Amino acid sequence: MRDSLRHSTNFINAIIDHIPGLIGYWSSDLRSVFANKEYEKWFGKTQEQMRDIHIRDLLGNELFKINEPHIRAALNGEDQEFERSIVLPNGEKREALAHYIPHREDEKIQGFFVLLIDITERKRLGNAMIDMEETHKRSIGRELHDSLGQQIAAISYQASALEKKLQSVGNLDNAKIAASISSQANSAVMQCKQIAQGLIPFEIESRGLIHALQSFASGIECTYEIECNFSYTDDIAIEDSTISLNLYRIVQEAVHNAMHHGRAKSLDISLSTSTGTLCLSICDDGCGISNAQHTKNPHKGMGLKLMEYRAEQLGATLKLLPNPKGGLEVRVEMKAE
């Protein structure tokens, strides 16, 4: 029996040591009780060196201070999930997704389990997808603005000239047709400009995110003839262009999904801050999507995946929530700068 148990324990330890992630257990006084071999790769400590080490001595003062709120929350019985950049002993920087899971026994927190997964490659691919999307959008935007838009403008000009020529010879019926062509071409030029501005949001760089979202909401109302409101709190000041662009793109995608998939007739976009948290909310009155449907669908749309990647890039959380008024709310929350 004892040999069988020892064999089972060794087998389980062998499995844990070969899992590509950190697995550990820390007592309530923050000392290591168990650590698999992966800790040596990430922190340069052998399993022998890890035994009974204090978590501050492992992480160092700076990283411990950053992680301490999550540690205290875990010891308070709250599951924790967060991302962290960690520099390995060889100087390589890796991105990690960490889980702190409280260990309850006899209604008392004895310590917490740690699971840390390397997500460096996932984040690299996500960032690459975002870069590809931006390059693609900017390319199409330039073509619309500089090529197609100019060609349609030329058609409008020529149709207008034809209208005047037909009027001069008394061919009023055909002159009306030429005038209609000119008018429709002018409308097409304006639509090209609006689409190009959405693909290349110059206003973010020139006038900031707030003004860009105001213009976006107005454009949605004019183009699609649905209600689209934008509100914000006065204390918001976002200087970082990357943050502004990612939030703007999330709004674009959420509104597109609400109109084309959710069949929404009313949209409310809001940007606010509260207790150090920046919150972006896009609410619609469409048919919505259930959390179960979102979770179980392995083939989520590329737009939703890109929204998630953009939120990750910002260190933000993105949630799909039922709107109390019907429809869906897309909510992004991140630490306010």
Protein backbone atom coordinates (compact mmCIF):
# COMPACT_ATOMS: atom_id res chain seq x y z
CA MET A 1 0.00 0.00 0.00
CA ARG A 2 2.75 2.42 1.02
CA ASP A 3 4.76 1.67 -2.15
CA SER A 4 1.62 2.09 -4.23
CA LEU A 5 0.88 5.45 -2.59
CA ARG A 6 4.47 6.62 -3.06
CA HIS A 7 4.33 5.57 -6.68
CA SER A 8 1.05 7.46 -7.15
CA THR A 9 2.46 10.58 -5.50
CA ASN A 10 5.59 10.48 -7.66
CA PHE A 11 3.45 9.99 -10.74
CA ILE A 12 1.24 12.96 -9.88
CA ASN A 13 4.30 15.13 -9.15
CA ALA A 14 5.79 14.10 -12.50
CA ILE A 15 2.61 15.20 -14.26
CA ILE A 16 2.53 18.54 -12.42
CA ASP A 17 6.22 19.17 -13.15
CA HIS A 18 5.67 18.64 -16.88
CA ILE A 19 2.63 20.91 -17.18
CA PRO A 20 3.64 24.07 -19.14
CA GLY A 21 2.65 26.47 -16.38
CA LEU A 22 3.41 27.40 -12.79
CA ILE A 23 1.47 25.49 -10.15
CA GLY A 24 2.00 26.33 -6.51
CA TYR A 25 0.44 26.63 -3.11
CA TRP A 26 1.07 29.43 -0.60
CA SER A 27 0.07 29.36 3.06
CA SER A 28 -1.84 32.14 4.78
CA ASP A 29 1.47 33.52 6.10
CA LEU A 30 2.63 33.76 2.45
CA ARG A 31 5.19 30.97 2.51
CA SER A 32 5.61 28.40 -0.24
CA VAL A 33 4.23 24.95 0.56
CA PHE A 34 4.42 23.52 -2.95
CA ALA A 35 5.94 24.66 -6.26
CA ASN A 36 6.41 22.72 -9.48
CA LYS A 37 9.60 22.81 -11.56
CA GLU A 38 8.29 25.58 -13.81
CA TYR A 39 9.07 28.07 -11.03
CA GLU A 40 12.77 27.55 -11.75
CA LYS A 41 12.31 28.70 -15.35
CA TRP A 42 10.36 31.82 -14.35
CA PHE A 43 12.11 32.82 -11.11
CA GLY A 44 15.40 30.91 -11.07
CA LYS A 45 14.56 29.01 -7.88
CA THR A 46 14.83 25.23 -7.59
CA GLN A 47 12.11 23.29 -5.79
CA GLU A 48 14.44 22.95 -2.82
CA GLN A 49 15.02 26.72 -2.77
CA MET A 50 11.28 27.34 -3.11
CA ARG A 51 10.44 25.38 0.03
CA ASP A 52 9.14 27.75 2.75
CA ILE A 53 10.30 30.87 0.88
CA HIS A 54 8.27 34.02 1.53
CA ILE A 55 6.40 35.27 -1.53
CA ARG A 56 7.99 38.73 -1.20
CA ASP A 57 11.46 37.17 -1.41
CA LEU A 58 10.45 35.32 -4.58
CA LEU A 59 8.74 38.20 -6.38
CA GLY A 60 10.93 41.05 -5.16
CA ASN A 61 9.59 44.19 -3.55
CA GLU A 62 8.32 45.87 -6.72
CA LEU A 63 6.37 42.90 -8.12
CA PHE A 64 5.11 41.95 -4.66
CA LYS A 65 3.69 45.45 -4.19
CA ILE A 66 1.88 45.22 -7.52
CA ASN A 67 0.49 41.74 -6.75
CA GLU A 68 -0.30 42.36 -3.09
CA PRO A 69 -3.93 43.49 -3.63
CA HIS A 70 -4.61 40.20 -5.44
CA ILE A 71 -2.84 38.22 -2.70
CA ARG A 72 -4.89 39.90 0.04
CA ALA A 73 -8.10 39.37 -1.94
CA ALA A 74 -7.31 35.65 -2.35
CA LEU A 75 -6.70 35.34 1.39
CA ASN A 76 -10.05 37.06 1.85
CA GLY A 77 -11.71 34.26 -0.12
CA GLU A 78 -11.94 35.96 -3.53
CA ASP A 79 -10.79 34.23 -6.72
CA GLN A 80 -8.29 36.36 -8.61
CA GLU A 81 -7.43 36.47 -12.31
CA PHE A 82 -5.03 39.03 -13.77
CA GLU A 83 -2.29 39.52 -16.33
CA ARG A 84 1.30 40.40 -15.51
CA SER A 85 4.57 41.04 -17.35
CA ILE A 86 7.48 39.12 -15.80
CA VAL A 87 11.18 39.34 -16.61
CA LEU A 88 12.80 35.89 -16.50
CA PRO A 89 16.26 35.28 -14.97
CA ASN A 90 17.74 35.30 -18.51
CA GLY A 91 16.34 38.80 -19.12
CA GLU A 92 13.51 37.67 -21.39
CA LYS A 93 10.18 39.39 -20.84
CA ARG A 94 7.10 37.12 -20.79
CA GLU A 95 3.39 37.80 -20.46
CA ALA A 96 1.46 35.70 -17.96
CA LEU A 97 -2.14 35.06 -16.95
CA ALA A 98 -2.28 34.40 -13.20
CA HIS A 99 -4.99 32.75 -11.11
CA TYR A 100 -5.05 32.92 -7.31
CA ILE A 101 -7.59 30.41 -5.95
CA PRO A 102 -8.43 30.48 -2.21
CA HIS A 103 -8.14 27.22 -0.23
CA ARG A 104 -11.00 26.91 2.24
CA GLU A 105 -11.05 24.34 5.00
CA ASP A 106 -13.44 24.35 7.96
CA GLU A 107 -14.78 27.72 6.83
CA LYS A 108 -11.30 29.21 7.12
CA ILE A 109 -8.88 30.31 4.40
CA GLN A 110 -5.75 28.19 4.79
CA GLY A 111 -3.87 29.67 1.85
CA PHE A 112 -4.24 29.90 -1.92
CA PHE A 113 -3.36 27.92 -5.03
CA VAL A 114 -1.48 29.59 -7.88
CA LEU A 115 -1.79 28.80 -11.57
CA LEU A 116 0.25 30.90 -13.96
CA ILE A 117 0.08 30.40 -17.74
CA ASP A 118 2.40 31.85 -20.37
CA ILE A 119 0.28 33.93 -22.79
CA THR A 120 3.16 35.70 -24.55
CA GLU A 121 2.45 34.08 -27.91
CA ARG A 122 -1.28 34.64 -27.64
CA LYS A 123 -0.74 38.32 -26.96
CA ARG A 124 1.75 38.57 -29.81
CA LEU A 125 -0.75 37.05 -32.22
CA GLY A 126 -3.51 39.29 -30.89
CA ASN A 127 -1.37 42.38 -31.38
CA ALA A 128 -0.43 41.19 -34.88
CA MET A 129 -4.11 40.78 -35.77
CA ILE A 130 -4.86 44.29 -34.52
CA ASP A 131 -1.95 45.71 -36.54
CA MET A 132 -3.14 43.86 -39.65
CA GLU A 133 -6.67 45.17 -39.16
CA GLU A 134 -5.43 48.75 -38.75
CA THR A 135 -3.23 48.49 -41.86
CA HIS A 136 -6.13 47.04 -43.86
CA LYS A 137 -8.58 49.72 -42.70
CA ARG A 138 -6.17 52.56 -43.39
CA SER A 139 -5.43 51.17 -46.86
CA ILE A 140 -9.13 50.97 -47.74
CA GLY A 141 -9.73 54.40 -46.20
CA ARG A 142 -7.02 55.99 -48.36
CA GLU A 143 -8.39 54.30 -51.50
CA LEU A 144 -11.89 55.57 -50.73
CA HIS A 145 -10.71 59.09 -49.99
CA ASP A 146 -8.02 59.55 -52.62
CA SER A 147 -9.19 57.32 -55.49
CA LEU A 148 -12.82 56.23 -55.52
CA GLY A 149 -14.07 59.42 -53.88
CA GLN A 150 -12.25 61.58 -56.44
CA GLN A 151 -13.60 59.53 -59.34
CA ILE A 152 -17.18 59.82 -58.09
CA ALA A 153 -16.65 63.57 -57.57
CA ALA A 154 -15.53 63.79 -61.22
CA ILE A 155 -18.72 61.99 -62.31
CA SER A 156 -20.76 64.50 -60.32
CA TYR A 157 -18.93 67.42 -61.96
CA GLN A 158 -19.37 65.99 -65.46
CA ALA A 159 -23.07 65.23 -64.84
CA SER A 160 -23.57 68.79 -63.64
CA ALA A 161 -21.87 70.13 -66.76
CA LEU A 162 -24.05 67.84 -68.90
CA GLU A 163 -27.14 69.13 -67.13
CA LYS A 164 -26.30 72.73 -68.02
CA LYS A 165 -25.56 71.79 -71.62
CA LEU A 166 -28.86 69.92 -71.97
CA GLN A 167 -30.73 72.85 -70.46
CA SER A 168 -29.12 75.22 -72.96
CA VAL A 169 -30.49 73.20 -75.89
CA GLY A 170 -33.93 72.81 -74.30
CA ASN A 171 -33.62 69.09 -73.49
CA LEU A 172 -35.13 69.47 -70.04
CA ASP A 173 -36.10 65.82 -69.45
CA ASN A 174 -32.56 64.56 -69.91
CA ALA A 175 -31.27 67.56 -67.97
CA LYS A 176 -33.28 66.35 -64.97
CA ILE A 177 -31.69 62.91 -65.31
CA ALA A 178 -28.22 64.47 -65.43
CA ALA A 179 -29.07 66.56 -62.35
CA SER A 180 -30.18 63.41 -60.52
CA ILE A 181 -26.93 61.66 -61.43
CA SER A 182 -24.96 64.64 -60.15
CA SER A 183 -26.94 64.72 -56.87
CA GLN A 184 -26.56 60.97 -56.25
CA ALA A 185 -22.85 61.16 -57.04
CA ASN A 186 -22.47 63.99 -54.52
CA SER A 187 -24.22 61.85 -51.90
CA ALA A 188 -21.88 58.96 -52.73
CA VAL A 189 -18.88 61.26 -52.29
CA MET A 190 -20.13 62.27 -48.83
CA GLN A 191 -20.64 58.62 -47.88
CA CYS A 192 -17.12 57.80 -49.09
CA LYS A 193 -15.77 60.56 -46.88
CA GLN A 194 -17.74 59.34 -43.86
CA ILE A 195 -16.56 55.75 -44.37
CA ALA A 196 -12.97 56.91 -44.90
CA GLN A 197 -13.12 58.96 -41.69
CA GLY A 198 -14.31 55.86 -39.83
CA LEU A 199 -11.49 53.77 -41.28
CA ILE A 200 -8.89 56.48 -40.64
CA PRO A 201 -10.18 58.44 -37.63
CA PHE A 202 -8.15 61.63 -38.10
CA GLU A 203 -10.25 63.35 -35.41
CA ILE A 204 -8.71 61.22 -32.67
CA GLU A 205 -5.27 62.65 -33.42
CA SER A 206 -6.46 66.20 -34.08
CA ARG A 207 -9.29 66.68 -31.55
CA GLY A 208 -9.27 63.66 -29.23
CA LEU A 209 -11.45 60.65 -28.46
CA ILE A 210 -14.45 62.55 -27.08
CA HIS A 211 -14.92 64.62 -30.24
CA ALA A 212 -14.31 61.57 -32.44
CA LEU A 213 -17.06 59.62 -30.64
CA GLN A 214 -19.44 62.58 -30.85
CA SER A 215 -18.90 62.75 -34.61
CA PHE A 216 -19.23 58.97 -34.88
CA ALA A 217 -22.59 58.96 -33.07
CA SER A 218 -23.87 61.82 -35.23
CA GLY A 219 -22.72 60.00 -38.37
CA ILE A 220 -24.57 56.83 -37.35
CA GLU A 221 -27.79 58.80 -36.84
CA CYS A 222 -27.49 60.59 -40.19
CA THR A 223 -26.41 57.57 -42.25
CA TYR A 224 -28.62 54.85 -40.77
CA GLU A 225 -31.47 56.97 -39.38
CA ILE A 226 -31.40 55.29 -35.95
CA GLU A 227 -31.01 56.91 -32.55
CA CYS A 228 -27.40 56.97 -31.35
CA ASN A 229 -26.55 58.95 -28.21
CA PHE A 230 -23.12 59.62 -26.76
CA SER A 231 -22.53 60.88 -23.22
CA TYR A 232 -19.41 61.35 -21.10
CA THR A 233 -18.30 62.73 -17.78
CA ASP A 234 -16.35 65.98 -17.74
CA ASP A 235 -13.39 64.54 -15.81
CA ILE A 236 -12.22 62.33 -18.69
CA ALA A 237 -8.90 63.21 -20.32
CA ILE A 238 -7.28 60.48 -22.41
CA GLU A 239 -3.91 61.58 -23.78
CA ASP A 240 -2.65 58.20 -24.99
CA SER A 241 -3.43 57.77 -28.71
CA THR A 242 -3.24 53.96 -28.50
CA ILE A 243 -5.87 53.86 -25.76
CA SER A 244 -8.08 56.28 -27.70
CA LEU A 245 -7.81 54.32 -30.94
CA ASN A 246 -8.55 50.96 -29.30
CA LEU A 247 -11.59 52.32 -27.45
CA TYR A 248 -12.83 53.95 -30.67
CA ARG A 249 -12.46 50.69 -32.60
CA ILE A 250 -14.32 48.76 -29.89
CA VAL A 251 -17.19 51.26 -30.17
CA GLN A 252 -17.22 50.89 -33.96
CA GLU A 253 -17.37 47.10 -33.80
CA ALA A 254 -19.98 47.01 -31.02
CA VAL A 255 -22.23 49.45 -32.91
CA HIS A 256 -21.77 47.50 -36.16
CA ASN A 257 -22.75 44.25 -34.42
CA ALA A 258 -25.75 45.89 -32.74
CA MET A 259 -27.10 47.24 -36.03
CA HIS A 260 -26.34 44.36 -38.37
CA HIS A 261 -26.70 41.35 -36.07
CA GLY A 262 -28.79 42.64 -33.17
CA ARG A 263 -31.12 44.73 -35.40
CA ALA A 264 -30.95 47.59 -32.90
CA LYS A 265 -32.93 50.79 -33.42
CA SER A 266 -31.43 52.73 -30.52
CA LEU A 267 -27.87 52.95 -29.20
CA ASP A 268 -26.36 54.59 -26.12
CA ILE A 269 -22.59 55.08 -25.92
CA SER A 270 -21.11 56.37 -22.67
CA LEU A 271 -17.64 57.03 -21.32
CA SER A 272 -17.22 57.61 -17.60
CA THR A 273 -14.84 57.31 -14.67
CA SER A 274 -15.55 56.13 -11.14
CA THR A 275 -13.17 55.33 -8.26
CA GLY A 276 -10.15 55.11 -10.55
CA THR A 277 -11.87 53.00 -13.23
CA LEU A 278 -12.57 54.11 -16.80
CA CYS A 279 -15.77 52.56 -18.15
CA LEU A 280 -16.87 52.46 -21.78
CA SER A 281 -20.41 51.22 -22.35
CA ILE A 282 -22.31 50.54 -25.58
CA CYS A 283 -25.96 49.62 -24.98
CA ASP A 284 -28.50 48.66 -27.65
CA ASP A 285 -32.14 47.63 -27.80
CA GLY A 286 -31.60 44.77 -30.25
CA CYS A 287 -32.12 41.04 -29.86
CA GLY A 288 -28.95 40.66 -27.73
CA ILE A 289 -26.85 37.55 -27.15
CA SER A 290 -26.89 35.19 -24.18
CA ASN A 291 -23.73 34.58 -22.16
CA ALA A 292 -24.23 30.87 -22.74
CA GLN A 293 -24.35 31.40 -26.47
CA HIS A 294 -21.21 33.55 -26.31
CA THR A 295 -19.36 30.98 -24.18
CA LYS A 296 -20.37 27.86 -26.08
CA ASN A 297 -19.77 29.21 -29.58
CA PRO A 298 -16.25 28.11 -30.58
CA HIS A 299 -16.46 30.13 -33.79
CA LYS A 300 -16.99 33.61 -32.43
CA GLY A 301 -16.95 36.33 -35.04
CA MET A 302 -13.64 37.94 -35.88
CA GLY A 303 -15.03 41.31 -34.79
CA LEU A 304 -15.68 40.04 -31.26
CA LYS A 305 -12.25 38.43 -31.08
CA LEU A 306 -10.63 41.69 -32.16
CA MET A 307 -12.58 43.58 -29.49
CA GLU A 308 -11.25 41.11 -26.92
CA TYR A 309 -7.69 41.47 -28.22
CA ARG A 310 -7.98 45.27 -28.08
CA ALA A 311 -9.25 45.10 -24.50
CA GLU A 312 -6.33 42.81 -23.60
CA GLN A 313 -3.92 45.28 -25.18
CA LEU A 314 -5.28 47.95 -22.84
CA GLY A 315 -5.20 45.68 -19.78
CA ALA A 316 -8.98 46.05 -19.68
CA THR A 317 -11.88 43.66 -19.17
CA LEU A 318 -14.55 43.30 -21.86
CA LYS A 319 -17.96 41.92 -20.91
CA LEU A 320 -21.14 41.17 -22.83
CA LEU A 321 -24.06 41.84 -20.50
CA PRO A 322 -27.83 41.77 -20.92
CA ASN A 323 -29.21 45.29 -21.15
CA PRO A 324 -32.00 45.78 -18.54
CA LYS A 325 -33.98 47.65 -21.21
CA GLY A 326 -33.55 44.79 -23.67
CA GLY A 327 -30.69 44.06 -26.02
CA LEU A 328 -27.01 43.95 -25.11
CA GLU A 329 -24.41 46.00 -23.29
CA VAL A 330 -20.75 45.82 -24.28
CA ARG A 331 -18.78 47.09 -21.29
CA VAL A 332 -15.06 47.79 -21.16
CA GLU A 333 -13.43 48.63 -17.84
CA MET A 334 -9.83 49.59 -17.25
CA LYS A 335 -7.70 51.47 -14.80
CA ALA A 336 -8.02 55.21 -15.36
CA GLU A 337 -4.70 56.86 -16.19
